[in-house]
Each structure stands twice: as C-alpha cells, then as structure tokens.
PDB file of N, CA and C in Angstrom:
ATOM      1  N   UNK A   1     117.397  65.991  78.941  1.00  0.00           N
ATOM      2  CA  UNK A   1     116.483  67.088  78.729  1.00  0.00           C
ATOM      3  C   UNK A   1     117.236  68.229  78.041  1.00  0.00           C
ATOM      4  N   UNK A   2     116.609  68.807  77.069  1.00  0.00           N
ATOM      5  CA  UNK A   2     117.212  69.910  76.326  1.00  0.00           C
ATOM      6  C   UNK A   2     116.682  71.227  76.882  1.00  0.00           C
ATOM      7  N   UNK A   3     117.558  72.171  77.068  1.00  0.00           N
ATOM      8  CA  UNK A   3     117.165  73.493  77.557  1.00  0.00           C
ATOM      9  C   UNK A   3     117.190  74.495  76.403  1.00  0.00           C
ATOM     10  N   UNK A   4     116.298  75.448  76.494  1.00  0.00           N
ATOM     11  CA  UNK A   4     116.294  76.519  75.495  1.00  0.00           C
ATOM     12  C   UNK A   4     117.552  77.355  75.652  1.00  0.00           C
ATOM     13  N   UNK A   5     118.122  77.723  74.523  1.00  0.00           N
ATOM     14  CA  UNK A   5     119.344  78.525  74.558  1.00  0.00           C
ATOM     15  C   UNK A   5     119.047  80.009  74.697  1.00  0.00           C
ATOM     16  N   UNK A   6     117.856  80.414  74.254  1.00  0.00           N
ATOM     17  CA  UNK A   6     117.478  81.823  74.340  1.00  0.00           C
ATOM     18  C   UNK A   6     116.047  81.939  74.831  1.00  0.00           C
ATOM     19  N   UNK A   7     115.687  83.125  75.248  1.00  0.00           N
ATOM     20  CA  UNK A   7     114.315  83.380  75.677  1.00  0.00           C
ATOM     21  C   UNK A   7     113.348  83.172  74.514  1.00  0.00           C
ATOM     22  N   UNK A   8     113.729  83.606  73.327  1.00  0.00           N
ATOM     23  CA  UNK A   8     112.859  83.434  72.158  1.00  0.00           C
ATOM     24  C   UNK A   8     112.636  81.965  71.828  1.00  0.00           C
ATOM     25  N   UNK A   9     113.654  81.149  71.981  1.00  0.00           N
ATOM     26  CA  UNK A   9     113.505  79.721  71.744  1.00  0.00           C
ATOM     27  C   UNK A   9     112.537  79.108  72.763  1.00  0.00           C
ATOM     28  N   UNK A  10     112.656  79.521  74.012  1.00  0.00           N
ATOM     29  CA  UNK A  10     111.748  79.040  75.061  1.00  0.00           C
ATOM     30  C   UNK A  10     110.304  79.452  74.739  1.00  0.00           C
ATOM     31  N   UNK A  11     110.118  80.683  74.336  1.00  0.00           N
ATOM     32  CA  UNK A  11     108.775  81.170  73.985  1.00  0.00           C
ATOM     33  C   UNK A  11     108.211  80.371  72.816  1.00  0.00           C
ATOM     34  N   UNK A  12     109.031  80.092  71.815  1.00  0.00           N
ATOM     35  CA  UNK A  12     108.581  79.277  70.681  1.00  0.00           C
ATOM     36  C   UNK A  12     108.160  77.886  71.126  1.00  0.00           C
ATOM     37  N   UNK A  13     108.914  77.281  72.040  1.00  0.00           N
ATOM     38  CA  UNK A  13     108.576  75.950  72.548  1.00  0.00           C
ATOM     39  C   UNK A  13     107.244  75.966  73.290  1.00  0.00           C
ATOM     40  N   UNK A  14     107.025  77.002  74.095  1.00  0.00           N
ATOM     41  CA  UNK A  14     105.762  77.111  74.829  1.00  0.00           C
ATOM     42  C   UNK A  14     104.603  77.278  73.856  1.00  0.00           C
ATOM     43  N   UNK A  15     104.789  78.118  72.846  1.00  0.00           N
ATOM     44  CA  UNK A  15     103.743  78.307  71.837  1.00  0.00           C
ATOM     45  C   UNK A  15     103.455  76.997  71.101  1.00  0.00           C
ATOM     46  N   UNK A  16     104.496  76.253  70.749  1.00  0.00           N
ATOM     47  CA  UNK A  16     104.311  74.986  70.045  1.00  0.00           C
ATOM     48  C   UNK A  16     103.605  73.966  70.929  1.00  0.00           C
ATOM     49  N   UNK A  17     103.980  73.900  72.196  1.00  0.00           N
ATOM     50  CA  UNK A  17     103.331  72.965  73.123  1.00  0.00           C
ATOM     51  C   UNK A  17     101.864  73.327  73.310  1.00  0.00           C
ATOM     52  N   UNK A  18     101.569  74.614  73.403  1.00  0.00           N
ATOM     53  CA  UNK A  18     100.181  75.063  73.531  1.00  0.00           C
ATOM     54  C   UNK A  18      99.384  74.688  72.291  1.00  0.00           C
ATOM     55  N   UNK A  19      99.963  74.909  71.126  1.00  0.00           N
ATOM     56  CA  UNK A  19      99.303  74.547  69.872  1.00  0.00           C
ATOM     57  C   UNK A  19      99.048  73.047  69.806  1.00  0.00           C
ATOM     58  N   UNK A  20     100.051  72.250  70.165  1.00  0.00           N
ATOM     59  CA  UNK A  20      99.904  70.796  70.132  1.00  0.00           C
ATOM     60  C   UNK A  20      98.807  70.331  71.081  1.00  0.00           C
ATOM     61  N   UNK A  21      98.746  70.918  72.272  1.00  0.00           N
ATOM     62  CA  UNK A  21      97.710  70.548  73.239  1.00  0.00           C
ATOM     63  C   UNK A  21      96.330  70.922  72.713  1.00  0.00           C
ATOM     64  N   UNK A  22      96.207  72.078  72.089  1.00  0.00           N
ATOM     65  CA  UNK A  22      94.925  72.491  71.518  1.00  0.00           C
ATOM     66  C   UNK A  22      94.507  71.571  70.376  1.00  0.00           C
ATOM     67  N   UNK A  23      95.457  71.160  69.553  1.00  0.00           N
ATOM     68  CA  UNK A  23      95.159  70.239  68.461  1.00  0.00           C
ATOM     69  C   UNK A  23      94.706  68.878  68.992  1.00  0.00           C
ATOM     70  N   UNK A  24      95.370  68.393  70.032  1.00  0.00           N
ATOM     71  CA  UNK A  24      94.982  67.125  70.631  1.00  0.00           C
ATOM     72  C   UNK A  24      93.579  67.211  71.208  1.00  0.00           C
ATOM     73  N   UNK A  25      93.295  68.301  71.910  1.00  0.00           N
ATOM     74  CA  UNK A  25      91.960  68.489  72.485  1.00  0.00           C
ATOM     75  C   UNK A  25      90.903  68.538  71.381  1.00  0.00           C
ATOM     76  N   UNK A  26      91.192  69.253  70.303  1.00  0.00           N
ATOM     77  CA  UNK A  26      90.237  69.342  69.194  1.00  0.00           C
ATOM     78  C   UNK A  26      90.003  67.980  68.562  1.00  0.00           C
ATOM     79  N   UNK A  27      91.050  67.191  68.415  1.00  0.00           N
ATOM     80  CA  UNK A  27      90.873  65.864  67.812  1.00  0.00           C
ATOM     81  C   UNK A  27      90.065  64.951  68.720  1.00  0.00           C
ATOM     82  N   UNK A  28      90.248  65.085  70.025  1.00  0.00           N
ATOM     83  CA  UNK A  28      89.468  64.276  70.965  1.00  0.00           C
ATOM     84  C   UNK A  28      88.003  64.679  70.902  1.00  0.00           C
ATOM     85  N   UNK A  29      87.747  65.979  70.868  1.00  0.00           N
ATOM     86  CA  UNK A  29      86.366  66.444  70.783  1.00  0.00           C
ATOM     87  C   UNK A  29      85.729  66.038  69.465  1.00  0.00           C
ATOM     88  N   UNK A  30      86.513  66.040  68.393  1.00  0.00           N
ATOM     89  CA  UNK A  30      85.981  65.696  67.075  1.00  0.00           C
ATOM     90  C   UNK A  30      85.621  64.219  66.986  1.00  0.00           C
ATOM     91  N   UNK A  31      86.447  63.385  67.532  1.00  0.00           N
ATOM     92  CA  UNK A  31      86.231  61.950  67.393  1.00  0.00           C
ATOM     93  C   UNK A  31      86.400  61.276  68.748  1.00  0.00           C
ATOM     94  N   UNK A  32      85.531  61.634  69.689  1.00  0.00           N
ATOM     95  CA  UNK A  32      85.636  61.126  71.051  1.00  0.00           C
ATOM     96  C   UNK A  32      85.605  59.607  71.123  1.00  0.00           C
ATOM     97  N   UNK A  33      84.768  59.008  70.313  1.00  0.00           N
ATOM     98  CA  UNK A  33      84.627  57.559  70.381  1.00  0.00           C
ATOM     99  C   UNK A  33      85.941  56.852  70.026  1.00  0.00           C
ATOM    100  N   UNK A  34      86.573  57.266  68.945  1.00  0.00           N
ATOM    101  CA  UNK A  34      87.829  56.641  68.534  1.00  0.00           C
ATOM    102  C   UNK A  34      88.917  56.888  69.568  1.00  0.00           C
ATOM    103  N   UNK A  35      89.042  58.112  70.036  1.00  0.00           N
ATOM    104  CA  UNK A  35      90.089  58.440  70.991  1.00  0.00           C
ATOM    105  C   UNK A  35      89.863  57.716  72.318  1.00  0.00           C
ATOM    106  N   UNK A  36      88.615  57.497  72.681  1.00  0.00           N
ATOM    107  CA  UNK A  36      88.321  56.732  73.891  1.00  0.00           C
ATOM    108  C   UNK A  36      88.857  55.317  73.783  1.00  0.00           C
ATOM    109  N   UNK A  37      88.671  54.707  72.621  1.00  0.00           N
ATOM    110  CA  UNK A  37      89.215  53.375  72.388  1.00  0.00           C
ATOM    111  C   UNK A  37      90.738  53.398  72.408  1.00  0.00           C
ATOM    112  N   UNK A  38      91.313  54.441  71.848  1.00  0.00           N
ATOM    113  CA  UNK A  38      92.772  54.557  71.843  1.00  0.00           C
ATOM    114  C   UNK A  38      93.306  54.695  73.264  1.00  0.00           C
ATOM    115  N   UNK A  39      92.590  55.427  74.107  1.00  0.00           N
ATOM    116  CA  UNK A  39      93.011  55.596  75.496  1.00  0.00           C
ATOM    117  C   UNK A  39      92.964  54.263  76.230  1.00  0.00           C
ATOM    118  N   UNK A  40      91.959  53.458  75.976  1.00  0.00           N
ATOM    119  CA  UNK A  40      91.872  52.134  76.596  1.00  0.00           C
ATOM    120  C   UNK A  40      93.058  51.277  76.165  1.00  0.00           C
ATOM    121  N   UNK A  41      93.393  51.324  74.891  1.00  0.00           N
ATOM    122  CA  UNK A  41      94.539  50.563  74.381  1.00  0.00           C
ATOM    123  C   UNK A  41      95.818  51.061  75.030  1.00  0.00           C
ATOM    124  N   UNK A  42      95.973  52.382  75.134  1.00  0.00           N
ATOM    125  CA  UNK A  42      97.165  52.967  75.745  1.00  0.00           C
ATOM    126  C   UNK A  42      97.280  52.534  77.201  1.00  0.00           C
ATOM    127  N   UNK A  43      96.183  52.618  77.936  1.00  0.00           N
ATOM    128  CA  UNK A  43      96.219  52.228  79.352  1.00  0.00           C
ATOM    129  C   UNK A  43      96.557  50.752  79.504  1.00  0.00           C
ATOM    130  N   UNK A  44      95.981  49.917  78.665  1.00  0.00           N
ATOM    131  CA  UNK A  44      96.269  48.486  78.779  1.00  0.00           C
ATOM    132  C   UNK A  44      97.720  48.198  78.411  1.00  0.00           C
ATOM    133  N   UNK A  45      98.272  48.927  77.465  1.00  0.00           N
ATOM    134  CA  UNK A  45      99.673  48.698  77.098  1.00  0.00           C
ATOM    135  C   UNK A  45     100.596  49.158  78.216  1.00  0.00           C
ATOM    136  N   UNK A  46     100.238  50.197  78.936  1.00  0.00           N
ATOM    137  CA  UNK A  46     101.065  50.666  80.055  1.00  0.00           C
ATOM    138  C   UNK A  46     101.033  49.653  81.190  1.00  0.00           C
ATOM    139  N   UNK A  47      99.902  49.015  81.427  1.00  0.00           N
ATOM    140  CA  UNK A  47      99.842  47.970  82.455  1.00  0.00           C
ATOM    141  C   UNK A  47     100.763  46.822  82.066  1.00  0.00           C
ATOM    142  N   UNK A  48     100.766  46.480  80.791  1.00  0.00           N
ATOM    143  CA  UNK A  48     101.616  45.408  80.310  1.00  0.00           C
ATOM    144  C   UNK A  48     103.078  45.777  80.517  1.00  0.00           C
ATOM    145  N   UNK A  49     103.439  47.029  80.211  1.00  0.00           N
ATOM    146  CA  UNK A  49     104.833  47.486  80.381  1.00  0.00           C
ATOM    147  C   UNK A  49     105.274  47.369  81.833  1.00  0.00           C
ATOM    148  N   UNK A  50     104.406  47.731  82.756  1.00  0.00           N
ATOM    149  CA  UNK A  50     104.756  47.692  84.172  1.00  0.00           C
ATOM    150  C   UNK A  50     104.997  46.244  84.632  1.00  0.00           C
ATOM    151  N   UNK A  51     104.235  45.315  84.095  1.00  0.00           N
ATOM    152  CA  UNK A  51     104.393  43.915  84.491  1.00  0.00           C
ATOM    153  C   UNK A  51     105.699  43.325  83.971  1.00  0.00           C
ATOM    154  N   UNK A  52     106.146  43.812  82.830  1.00  0.00           N
ATOM    155  CA  UNK A  52     107.334  43.232  82.229  1.00  0.00           C
ATOM    156  C   UNK A  52     108.623  43.855  82.734  1.00  0.00           C
ATOM    157  N   UNK A  53     108.508  44.955  83.440  1.00  0.00           N
ATOM    158  CA  UNK A  53     109.722  45.643  83.923  1.00  0.00           C
ATOM    159  C   UNK A  53     110.202  45.026  85.220  1.00  0.00           C
TER     160      UNK A  53
END
C-alpha cells in the first residue's frame, strides 16, 4: 500500500477517487443494462477464482 507523502497529495487522491466513483455511477445509470450483464460476469468470474484457489 502506498501512503501519501503530503496532505496535498492525500487530498488529490481523495478528489480523484471521488471523481472516479461519480464517473462509475454515471456510467451505470447511463447504461444499466450493459453494466448489469458485466456485474453478472464479474460475479461469476469471482466464484470461479475462489474454486481454483
């Protein structure tokens, strides 16, 4: 795990994470049907990963 070296760097990371989360939410709202299918694929791939570990 990488730690921020300065307070400003930490603030920038929080702002970037907030922006990324908002973008993801907007894309899900824009194309719910596609993202729903992607979530099913993601969940099924995670089940597969757990079985192989």
